[in-house]
Every structure is written in C-alpha cells, then in structure tokens.
C-alpha cells in the first residue's frame, strides 16, 4: 500500500511524514499516479466541502497542479474553422493528449487529428450523455452549429442542431459530469436597429436569421 505519491520534478503529493519522500522511489510524470487512500483524479478541490481539506499529508498546491495536468478537454465541432483554430491553441497550451476532439465530420487538419477523435452527432441526446458522463471532461467547448448561409435555407434543421447540441451539453453540466462549458455567441444576435458603436451589454437584440435567433436563445439558457 503506497504511503504517498511523488513527482520527481515537483515533490510529494501525499506523504505520511516530512521524511517519507527520502525512503520511497519517485513516481515519474509518465506513470500512473496511484494512491489507495485517495483518488487524485476524483478528489474534490480543497474548498468544496472536502472532508480531507485539513489533511496535513496532502500537498494541495501540487495536487491542484496535477489535477490540471491530468484533466481532459473536449471540443465539439472541431472540424469547423473556429474549432480547428481553438484545438490548435489548446494543444499548444495543454498538450495533444489532454485534448479530445469531436465532430460529425472527420477534421482534415492533421495536427488536430493527433488528439483523440470522437465521431459524434451533437444532437443525439443519448450518445452525448454517454460520452460526457464517461469522458470525465473538466471543460467542454460546444462549437457545433449551422451558420446563416445554410441555416436560412434549412431553418428547422439549423434550429434543431444549434439548440439541441447546446442543451445536451448544458444538461451534462447540470448532472455534474463536466465542470465548465464554453459556448460562443455571435454578432448575429444584434439586429439592424442595434447601435453600431460603444454597444452596451444590454443593447437591443433583434436577430433576423435563424442562426442569430438560436444564439440569442442560447444566451438566455
């Protein structure tokens, strides 16, 4: 039974005494961190009514570092222009292995495909629930949407995609399966009557496209 977990570059995560690290070999970053007493991945942060918050054996700053390092991010709609640019930025910041990408189409960008790819229909409630519950993602970026050019030709399909995909992710967050959701709105929520300069937060929203209407509706959720 291991008495502590240790990273060679940072120091002890959990130990039985101040000298424990001297008598135990280190666990490297490339090895799985295992502690029978404490699950590092599932352990709540110190401030969330955690019964272990005052446990002196736990090096909380180091544990938080590993929580971030071991966390996974999912980008839904990764084949689109915004999705590709976002995935590349997240890969550069967090590493290829920490980013999972999902879309109904396979991304054409080779760098994006270095991350784990999931073939996913974001409107499929059952499949989305399974992926988000089992994936243990800390962050989900929901970018799947039908833009105005196609949406105006297929308004019902645009509404269905734009709203169902968002609500499926929000429901997963409500269930507690993911911690943070990022969902971009659009300038399309503004209409022709919106002032053009120094636009306030409470500016008139008067969208004239299905895409804009769906984005406005998403903001209210």
Protein backbone atom coordinates (compact mmCIF):
# COMPACT_ATOMS: atom_id res chain seq x y z
CA UNK A 1 0.00 0.00 0.00
CA UNK A 2 1.70 3.21 -1.13
CA UNK A 3 2.05 5.79 1.58
CA UNK A 4 2.43 8.69 -0.79
CA UNK A 5 2.58 9.80 -4.42
CA UNK A 6 5.56 11.73 -5.67
CA UNK A 7 6.61 13.64 -8.76
CA UNK A 8 10.33 13.87 -9.38
CA UNK A 9 10.21 17.46 -10.56
CA UNK A 10 7.76 18.88 -8.06
CA UNK A 11 7.75 16.92 -4.82
CA UNK A 12 5.37 14.85 -2.72
CA UNK A 13 1.65 14.90 -3.28
CA UNK A 14 0.77 12.76 -0.27
CA UNK A 15 3.10 11.53 2.44
CA UNK A 16 2.97 10.01 5.91
CA UNK A 17 5.70 12.24 7.28
CA UNK A 18 8.04 15.02 6.27
CA UNK A 19 10.82 12.49 5.68
CA UNK A 20 8.71 9.96 3.77
CA UNK A 21 9.97 11.12 0.39
CA UNK A 22 13.51 10.18 1.32
CA UNK A 23 12.71 6.48 1.69
CA UNK A 24 10.42 5.98 -1.31
CA UNK A 25 11.32 6.00 -5.02
CA UNK A 26 9.65 8.74 -7.08
CA UNK A 27 6.78 8.21 -9.49
CA UNK A 28 7.51 9.95 -12.78
CA UNK A 29 5.08 12.05 -14.80
CA UNK A 30 4.72 9.26 -17.35
CA UNK A 31 3.50 6.76 -14.79
CA UNK A 32 0.01 6.47 -13.42
CA UNK A 33 -0.32 8.10 -10.04
CA UNK A 34 -1.97 5.64 -7.69
CA UNK A 35 -2.92 6.09 -4.07
CA UNK A 36 -5.20 3.55 -2.48
CA UNK A 37 -6.34 6.04 0.12
CA UNK A 38 -7.06 8.93 -2.22
CA UNK A 39 -8.08 9.05 -5.88
CA UNK A 40 -6.22 12.06 -7.25
CA UNK A 41 -8.44 12.48 -10.31
CA UNK A 42 -11.77 12.26 -8.48
CA UNK A 43 -10.70 14.07 -5.31
CA UNK A 44 -12.67 17.34 -4.99
CA UNK A 45 -10.76 20.57 -4.70
CA UNK A 46 -9.91 21.77 -1.21
CA UNK A 47 -12.69 24.31 -0.99
CA UNK A 48 -15.65 22.12 -1.98
CA UNK A 49 -16.71 20.83 1.44
CA UNK A 50 -13.91 18.32 1.18
CA UNK A 51 -13.52 16.18 4.33
CA UNK A 52 -9.81 15.91 3.54
CA UNK A 53 -9.30 19.67 3.34
CA UNK A 54 -7.32 19.76 6.58
CA UNK A 55 -5.38 16.54 5.94
CA UNK A 56 -1.77 17.59 6.56
CA UNK A 57 -0.46 14.74 4.41
CA UNK A 58 -1.76 16.37 1.24
CA UNK A 59 0.29 18.91 -0.66
CA UNK A 60 -2.66 20.84 -2.08
CA UNK A 61 -0.81 23.21 -4.46
CA UNK A 62 0.95 20.25 -6.07
CA UNK A 63 -2.27 18.25 -6.19
CA UNK A 64 -4.03 21.13 -7.94
CA UNK A 65 -1.19 21.21 -10.45
CA UNK A 66 -1.73 17.55 -11.24
CA UNK A 67 -5.48 17.99 -11.39
CA UNK A 68 -4.97 20.50 -14.19
CA UNK A 69 -2.23 18.45 -15.87
CA UNK A 70 -4.34 15.28 -15.86
CA UNK A 71 -7.64 16.92 -16.85
CA UNK A 72 -9.21 16.46 -20.26
CA UNK A 73 -10.92 18.96 -22.53
CA UNK A 74 -13.46 18.12 -25.24
CA UNK A 75 -14.02 20.34 -28.27
CA UNK A 76 -17.32 19.58 -30.05
CA UNK A 77 -17.46 20.92 -33.59
CA UNK A 78 -13.71 20.58 -34.03
CA UNK A 79 -13.88 20.37 -37.83
CA UNK A 80 -15.09 23.92 -38.33
CA UNK A 81 -12.85 26.94 -38.85
CA UNK A 82 -13.20 28.15 -35.27
CA UNK A 83 -12.91 24.62 -33.95
CA UNK A 84 -9.65 23.94 -35.74
CA UNK A 85 -8.02 27.15 -34.53
CA UNK A 86 -9.21 26.54 -30.98
CA UNK A 87 -7.94 22.94 -30.91
CA UNK A 88 -4.52 24.01 -32.17
CA UNK A 89 -4.30 26.65 -29.44
CA UNK A 90 -5.43 24.22 -26.73
CA UNK A 91 -2.98 21.57 -27.93
CA UNK A 92 -0.15 24.09 -27.72
CA UNK A 93 -1.18 25.11 -24.21
CA UNK A 94 -2.16 21.79 -22.63
CA UNK A 95 -0.67 19.10 -24.85
CA UNK A 96 -2.18 16.89 -27.55
CA UNK A 97 -3.13 14.14 -25.12
CA UNK A 98 -5.23 16.42 -22.93
CA UNK A 99 -7.50 17.49 -25.78
CA UNK A 100 -10.23 15.33 -27.30
CA UNK A 101 -11.98 16.45 -30.47
CA UNK A 102 -15.45 15.54 -31.70
CA UNK A 103 -17.46 16.20 -34.82
CA UNK A 104 -19.82 14.51 -37.22
CA UNK A 105 -17.12 15.06 -39.85
CA UNK A 106 -13.51 13.97 -39.57
CA UNK A 107 -11.24 17.04 -39.36
CA UNK A 108 -8.97 17.50 -42.35
CA UNK A 109 -6.24 19.12 -40.28
CA UNK A 110 -3.53 16.55 -39.47
CA UNK A 111 -2.43 18.31 -36.28
CA UNK A 112 -5.99 18.32 -34.94
CA UNK A 113 -6.22 14.57 -35.54
CA UNK A 114 -3.22 13.97 -33.31
CA UNK A 115 -5.72 14.38 -30.47
CA UNK A 116 -8.22 11.62 -29.72
CA UNK A 117 -11.13 11.91 -32.20
CA UNK A 118 -14.75 11.02 -31.46
CA UNK A 119 -17.30 10.68 -34.26
CA UNK A 120 -20.22 12.44 -32.60
CA UNK A 121 -23.65 13.75 -33.56
CA UNK A 122 -24.14 16.57 -31.07
CA UNK A 123 -27.93 16.37 -31.44
CA UNK A 124 -28.04 12.73 -30.31
CA UNK A 125 -29.08 13.09 -26.67
CA UNK A 126 -28.32 9.51 -25.63
CA UNK A 127 -24.89 9.36 -27.25
CA UNK A 128 -23.93 12.80 -25.97
CA UNK A 129 -24.93 11.84 -22.44
CA UNK A 130 -22.83 8.68 -22.61
CA UNK A 131 -19.77 10.49 -23.98
CA UNK A 132 -19.94 13.34 -21.48
CA UNK A 133 -20.65 11.14 -18.47
CA UNK A 134 -17.94 8.60 -19.20
CA UNK A 135 -15.36 11.04 -20.58
CA UNK A 136 -14.65 12.77 -17.24
CA UNK A 137 -14.00 16.04 -19.05
CA UNK A 138 -13.28 19.12 -16.99
CA UNK A 139 -14.03 21.51 -19.86
CA UNK A 140 -16.29 21.20 -22.90
CA UNK A 141 -16.25 23.68 -25.76
CA UNK A 142 -19.55 23.43 -27.68
CA UNK A 143 -18.99 24.87 -31.15
CA UNK A 144 -21.31 22.70 -33.27
CA UNK A 145 -23.73 24.96 -35.16
CA UNK A 146 -25.27 25.63 -38.55
CA UNK A 147 -24.38 29.13 -39.72
CA UNK A 148 -26.64 31.56 -41.55
CA UNK A 149 -25.70 30.68 -45.13
CA UNK A 150 -27.08 27.15 -44.78
CA UNK A 151 -29.40 27.86 -41.88
CA UNK A 152 -31.61 30.23 -43.86
CA UNK A 153 -32.16 27.50 -46.44
CA UNK A 154 -32.84 24.88 -43.76
CA UNK A 155 -34.28 26.81 -40.81
CA UNK A 156 -35.73 23.84 -38.91
CA UNK A 157 -32.51 21.85 -39.24
CA UNK A 158 -30.50 24.88 -38.09
CA UNK A 159 -32.68 25.38 -35.02
CA UNK A 160 -32.53 21.67 -34.21
CA UNK A 161 -28.73 21.49 -34.42
CA UNK A 162 -27.98 24.79 -32.74
CA UNK A 163 -30.28 24.28 -29.77
CA UNK A 164 -30.12 20.52 -29.19
CA UNK A 165 -26.33 20.46 -29.22
CA UNK A 166 -26.15 23.23 -26.61
CA UNK A 167 -28.88 21.80 -24.38
CA UNK A 168 -27.27 18.36 -24.40
CA UNK A 169 -24.05 19.85 -23.07
CA UNK A 170 -25.80 22.04 -20.51
CA UNK A 171 -27.76 19.06 -19.24
CA UNK A 172 -24.49 17.15 -18.73
CA UNK A 173 -23.17 20.10 -16.74
CA UNK A 174 -26.36 20.17 -14.66
CA UNK A 175 -25.85 16.49 -13.89
CA UNK A 176 -22.34 17.32 -12.66
CA UNK A 177 -20.47 15.35 -15.34
CA UNK A 178 -18.45 18.36 -16.51
CA UNK A 179 -17.21 21.42 -14.62
CA UNK A 180 -17.06 24.16 -17.25
CA UNK A 181 -18.88 24.83 -20.51
CA UNK A 182 -17.69 27.30 -23.13
CA UNK A 183 -20.21 28.27 -25.80
CA UNK A 184 -19.67 31.23 -28.13
CA UNK A 185 -22.48 33.58 -29.02
CA UNK A 186 -22.38 35.71 -32.17
CA UNK A 187 -22.73 39.21 -33.54
CA UNK A 188 -25.77 37.72 -35.29
CA UNK A 189 -27.81 38.29 -32.11
CA UNK A 190 -27.86 42.00 -32.95
CA UNK A 191 -30.31 43.37 -35.49
CA UNK A 192 -30.33 46.36 -37.81
CA UNK A 193 -31.72 48.54 -35.00
CA UNK A 194 -28.77 47.93 -32.68
CA UNK A 195 -26.39 50.86 -32.27
CA UNK A 196 -23.14 50.35 -34.13
CA UNK A 197 -20.63 51.93 -31.72
CA UNK A 198 -19.97 51.59 -27.99
CA UNK A 199 -22.55 48.83 -27.80
CA UNK A 200 -23.62 48.26 -24.14
CA UNK A 201 -24.18 44.86 -22.55
CA UNK A 202 -27.93 45.45 -22.52
CA UNK A 203 -28.12 46.52 -26.17
CA UNK A 204 -31.17 45.68 -28.25
CA UNK A 205 -31.14 42.10 -29.50
CA UNK A 206 -33.19 41.80 -32.66
CA UNK A 207 -31.72 38.94 -34.76
CA UNK A 208 -33.00 38.46 -38.29
CA UNK A 209 -31.60 34.97 -39.02
CA UNK A 210 -32.26 31.55 -37.55
CA UNK A 211 -28.60 31.40 -36.51
CA UNK A 212 -28.91 34.69 -34.63
CA UNK A 213 -32.22 33.66 -33.03
CA UNK A 214 -30.72 30.38 -31.82
CA UNK A 215 -27.70 32.19 -30.38
CA UNK A 216 -29.93 34.66 -28.57
CA UNK A 217 -32.00 31.80 -27.18
CA UNK A 218 -28.82 30.04 -26.07
CA UNK A 219 -27.71 33.12 -24.16
CA UNK A 220 -30.91 33.00 -22.10
CA UNK A 221 -30.25 29.39 -21.14
